[in-house]
């Protein structure tokens, strides 16, 4: 199957390192968050990067579904909160995600319909299905 798009990001140093693209358009320092024993820093972490990607992808899927349905709306916002939880099964850690979705200019039932459509369309949601607990709250 031919990819519609692909990108590559390289990490050195794990949680206390650096992420970058081979073309050097994307460059960020990565650090362990203070809550996990790291220092207070302005560097990002894998959970923030995941939350950024998921919120942008989900909102893009949402707006696409709204446009396909010819729904008039003023704006949309997706807040993704990514959490690390202890995994009792393997004594490691696992991810959990909460998506808070706001669609200005539509009633709640329309928002529910299109958030559901977006959740079934979004590649992040598809990848997480059955693997990560995702809670969706519609504001």
C-alpha atoms as a PDB file:
ATOM      1  CA  UNK A   1       0.000   0.000   0.000  1.00  0.00           C
ATOM      2  CA  UNK A   2       1.326   3.439  -0.918  1.00  0.00           C
ATOM      3  CA  UNK A   3       1.570   5.860   2.013  1.00  0.00           C
ATOM      4  CA  UNK A   4      -0.257   9.174   1.763  1.00  0.00           C
ATOM      5  CA  UNK A   5       2.409  10.766   3.941  1.00  0.00           C
ATOM      6  CA  UNK A   6       5.290   9.675   6.119  1.00  0.00           C
ATOM      7  CA  UNK A   7       7.755  11.384   8.392  1.00  0.00           C
ATOM      8  CA  UNK A   8      10.760  10.368  10.436  1.00  0.00           C
ATOM      9  CA  UNK A   9      11.813  11.610  13.851  1.00  0.00           C
ATOM     10  CA  UNK A  10      15.037  10.506  15.529  1.00  0.00           C
ATOM     11  CA  UNK A  11      15.622  10.358  19.291  1.00  0.00           C
ATOM     12  CA  UNK A  12      18.925  10.263  21.082  1.00  0.00           C
ATOM     13  CA  UNK A  13      19.123   9.990  24.867  1.00  0.00           C
ATOM     14  CA  UNK A  14      15.590   8.710  25.544  1.00  0.00           C
ATOM     15  CA  UNK A  15      13.636  10.861  28.009  1.00  0.00           C
ATOM     16  CA  UNK A  16      16.705  12.972  28.705  1.00  0.00           C
ATOM     17  CA  UNK A  17      17.747  13.667  25.164  1.00  0.00           C
ATOM     18  CA  UNK A  18      16.738  15.207  21.903  1.00  0.00           C
ATOM     19  CA  UNK A  19      14.252  14.577  19.071  1.00  0.00           C
ATOM     20  CA  UNK A  20      14.779  15.844  15.551  1.00  0.00           C
ATOM     21  CA  UNK A  21      13.856  15.273  11.935  1.00  0.00           C
ATOM     22  CA  UNK A  22      16.537  14.390   9.393  1.00  0.00           C
ATOM     23  CA  UNK A  23      15.804  17.652   7.542  1.00  0.00           C
ATOM     24  CA  UNK A  24      16.217  19.605  10.850  1.00  0.00           C
ATOM     25  CA  UNK A  25      12.783  21.279  10.572  1.00  0.00           C
ATOM     26  CA  UNK A  26      11.739  19.645  13.878  1.00  0.00           C
ATOM     27  CA  UNK A  27      14.156  19.961  16.821  1.00  0.00           C
ATOM     28  CA  UNK A  28      13.232  19.628  20.492  1.00  0.00           C
ATOM     29  CA  UNK A  29      14.957  18.831  23.731  1.00  0.00           C
ATOM     30  CA  UNK A  30      13.288  16.029  25.686  1.00  0.00           C
ATOM     31  CA  UNK A  31      13.412  15.711  29.463  1.00  0.00           C
ATOM     32  CA  UNK A  32      11.876  13.544  32.133  1.00  0.00           C
ATOM     33  CA  UNK A  33       9.085  15.524  33.833  1.00  0.00           C
ATOM     34  CA  UNK A  34       9.623  16.582  37.424  1.00  0.00           C
ATOM     35  CA  UNK A  35       6.677  14.351  38.440  1.00  0.00           C
ATOM     36  CA  UNK A  36       8.755  11.364  37.265  1.00  0.00           C
ATOM     37  CA  UNK A  37      11.948  12.436  38.994  1.00  0.00           C
ATOM     38  CA  UNK A  38      13.331  14.829  36.394  1.00  0.00           C
ATOM     39  CA  UNK A  39      14.365  18.423  36.789  1.00  0.00           C
ATOM     40  CA  UNK A  40      12.025  21.359  36.211  1.00  0.00           C
ATOM     41  CA  UNK A  41      12.718  22.351  32.621  1.00  0.00           C
ATOM     42  CA  UNK A  42      11.200  23.862  29.497  1.00  0.00           C
ATOM     43  CA  UNK A  43      11.991  20.721  27.491  1.00  0.00           C
ATOM     44  CA  UNK A  44       9.119  18.579  26.258  1.00  0.00           C
ATOM     45  CA  UNK A  45       8.411  14.927  27.020  1.00  0.00           C
ATOM     46  CA  UNK A  46       6.904  12.007  25.095  1.00  0.00           C
ATOM     47  CA  UNK A  47       3.483  12.450  26.704  1.00  0.00           C
ATOM     48  CA  UNK A  48       3.292  16.104  25.618  1.00  0.00           C
ATOM     49  CA  UNK A  49       4.344  15.187  22.096  1.00  0.00           C
ATOM     50  CA  UNK A  50       1.680  12.482  21.970  1.00  0.00           C
ATOM     51  CA  UNK A  51      -0.989  14.856  23.324  1.00  0.00           C
ATOM     52  CA  UNK A  52      -0.027  17.462  20.718  1.00  0.00           C
ATOM     53  CA  UNK A  53      -0.234  14.974  17.879  1.00  0.00           C
ATOM     54  CA  UNK A  54      -3.490  13.379  19.021  1.00  0.00           C
ATOM     55  CA  UNK A  55      -5.280  16.682  19.662  1.00  0.00           C
ATOM     56  CA  UNK A  56      -4.262  18.066  16.258  1.00  0.00           C
ATOM     57  CA  UNK A  57      -5.150  14.854  14.421  1.00  0.00           C
ATOM     58  CA  UNK A  58      -8.502  14.449  16.192  1.00  0.00           C
ATOM     59  CA  UNK A  59      -9.493  18.073  15.618  1.00  0.00           C
ATOM     60  CA  UNK A  60      -8.526  17.785  11.964  1.00  0.00           C
ATOM     61  CA  UNK A  61     -10.685  14.641  11.638  1.00  0.00           C
ATOM     62  CA  UNK A  62     -13.523  16.431  13.428  1.00  0.00           C
ATOM     63  CA  UNK A  63     -13.430  19.468  11.151  1.00  0.00           C
ATOM     64  CA  UNK A  64     -13.264  17.209   8.096  1.00  0.00           C
ATOM     65  CA  UNK A  65     -16.383  15.324   9.236  1.00  0.00           C
ATOM     66  CA  UNK A  66     -18.204  18.583   9.982  1.00  0.00           C
ATOM     67  CA  UNK A  67     -17.323  19.897   6.514  1.00  0.00           C
ATOM     68  CA  UNK A  68     -18.420  16.633   4.862  1.00  0.00           C
ATOM     69  CA  UNK A  69     -21.729  16.893   6.720  1.00  0.00           C
ATOM     70  CA  UNK A  70     -22.085  20.536   5.673  1.00  0.00           C
ATOM     71  CA  UNK A  71     -22.446  21.525   9.327  1.00  0.00           C
ATOM     72  CA  UNK A  72     -22.062  25.223  10.075  1.00  0.00           C
ATOM     73  CA  UNK A  73     -19.895  25.748  13.153  1.00  0.00           C
ATOM     74  CA  UNK A  74     -17.889  28.630  14.520  1.00  0.00           C
ATOM     75  CA  UNK A  75     -14.805  26.828  15.813  1.00  0.00           C
ATOM     76  CA  UNK A  76     -13.597  23.594  17.339  1.00  0.00           C
ATOM     77  CA  UNK A  77     -11.087  22.815  20.053  1.00  0.00           C
ATOM     78  CA  UNK A  78      -9.647  19.530  21.297  1.00  0.00           C
ATOM     79  CA  UNK A  79      -7.732  19.362  24.558  1.00  0.00           C
ATOM     80  CA  UNK A  80      -5.812  16.100  24.941  1.00  0.00           C
ATOM     81  CA  UNK A  81      -4.591  15.077  28.375  1.00  0.00           C
ATOM     82  CA  UNK A  82      -2.217  12.117  28.289  1.00  0.00           C
ATOM     83  CA  UNK A  83      -1.525  10.285  31.536  1.00  0.00           C
ATOM     84  CA  UNK A  84       0.860   7.530  32.581  1.00  0.00           C
ATOM     85  CA  UNK A  85      -0.639   4.887  34.841  1.00  0.00           C
ATOM     86  CA  UNK A  86       0.873   1.875  36.572  1.00  0.00           C
ATOM     87  CA  UNK A  87       0.217  -1.300  34.586  1.00  0.00           C
ATOM     88  CA  UNK A  88      -0.664  -4.047  37.052  1.00  0.00           C
ATOM     89  CA  UNK A  89      -0.380  -6.746  34.378  1.00  0.00           C
ATOM     90  CA  UNK A  90       3.326  -6.314  33.657  1.00  0.00           C
ATOM     91  CA  UNK A  91       4.377  -3.976  36.511  1.00  0.00           C
ATOM     92  CA  UNK A  92       5.242  -1.320  33.914  1.00  0.00           C
ATOM     93  CA  UNK A  93       3.307   1.754  32.813  1.00  0.00           C
ATOM     94  CA  UNK A  94       0.525   2.403  30.326  1.00  0.00           C
ATOM     95  CA  UNK A  95      -1.099   5.409  28.686  1.00  0.00           C
ATOM     96  CA  UNK A  96      -4.541   6.876  29.208  1.00  0.00           C
ATOM     97  CA  UNK A  97      -6.027   9.748  27.231  1.00  0.00           C
ATOM     98  CA  UNK A  98      -8.811  12.217  27.911  1.00  0.00           C
ATOM     99  CA  UNK A  99     -10.080  14.287  24.983  1.00  0.00           C
ATOM    100  CA  UNK A 100     -12.166  17.357  25.799  1.00  0.00           C
ATOM    101  CA  UNK A 101     -13.946  18.510  22.660  1.00  0.00           C
ATOM    102  CA  UNK A 102     -15.720  21.816  22.106  1.00  0.00           C
ATOM    103  CA  UNK A 103     -17.564  22.711  18.914  1.00  0.00           C
ATOM    104  CA  UNK A 104     -18.844  26.263  19.032  1.00  0.00           C
ATOM    105  CA  UNK A 105     -22.072  26.967  17.184  1.00  0.00           C
ATOM    106  CA  UNK A 106     -23.730  23.518  17.259  1.00  0.00           C
ATOM    107  CA  UNK A 107     -26.027  21.846  19.751  1.00  0.00           C
ATOM    108  CA  UNK A 108     -24.858  18.972  21.942  1.00  0.00           C
ATOM    109  CA  UNK A 109     -26.513  16.200  19.899  1.00  0.00           C
ATOM    110  CA  UNK A 110     -24.814  17.382  16.697  1.00  0.00           C
ATOM    111  CA  UNK A 111     -21.500  17.623  18.560  1.00  0.00           C
ATOM    112  CA  UNK A 112     -21.907  14.041  19.835  1.00  0.00           C
ATOM    113  CA  UNK A 113     -22.650  12.737  16.334  1.00  0.00           C
ATOM    114  CA  UNK A 114     -19.633  14.388  14.755  1.00  0.00           C
ATOM    115  CA  UNK A 115     -17.226  13.652  17.598  1.00  0.00           C
ATOM    116  CA  UNK A 116     -18.193   9.980  17.215  1.00  0.00           C
ATOM    117  CA  UNK A 117     -17.576  10.168  13.457  1.00  0.00           C
ATOM    118  CA  UNK A 118     -14.206  11.822  14.063  1.00  0.00           C
ATOM    119  CA  UNK A 119     -13.247   9.152  16.621  1.00  0.00           C
ATOM    120  CA  UNK A 120     -13.904   6.435  14.036  1.00  0.00           C
ATOM    121  CA  UNK A 121     -11.994   8.341  11.337  1.00  0.00           C
ATOM    122  CA  UNK A 122      -8.935   9.643  13.247  1.00  0.00           C
ATOM    123  CA  UNK A 123      -5.830   7.461  12.716  1.00  0.00           C
ATOM    124  CA  UNK A 124      -4.691   8.053  16.318  1.00  0.00           C
ATOM    125  CA  UNK A 125      -8.040   6.840  17.642  1.00  0.00           C
ATOM    126  CA  UNK A 126      -7.866   3.785  15.387  1.00  0.00           C
ATOM    127  CA  UNK A 127      -4.337   2.983  16.572  1.00  0.00           C
ATOM    128  CA  UNK A 128      -5.323   3.284  20.232  1.00  0.00           C
ATOM    129  CA  UNK A 129      -8.574   1.303  19.933  1.00  0.00           C
ATOM    130  CA  UNK A 130      -8.381  -1.649  22.320  1.00  0.00           C
ATOM    131  CA  UNK A 131      -4.926  -0.625  23.508  1.00  0.00           C
ATOM    132  CA  UNK A 132      -5.380   2.631  25.414  1.00  0.00           C
ATOM    133  CA  UNK A 133      -8.320   3.870  27.467  1.00  0.00           C
ATOM    134  CA  UNK A 134      -9.641   7.008  25.748  1.00  0.00           C
ATOM    135  CA  UNK A 135     -12.251   9.115  27.508  1.00  0.00           C
ATOM    136  CA  UNK A 136     -14.071  11.702  25.394  1.00  0.00           C
ATOM    137  CA  UNK A 137     -15.853  14.612  27.022  1.00  0.00           C
ATOM    138  CA  UNK A 138     -17.975  16.914  24.869  1.00  0.00           C
ATOM    139  CA  UNK A 139     -18.268  20.430  26.275  1.00  0.00           C
END
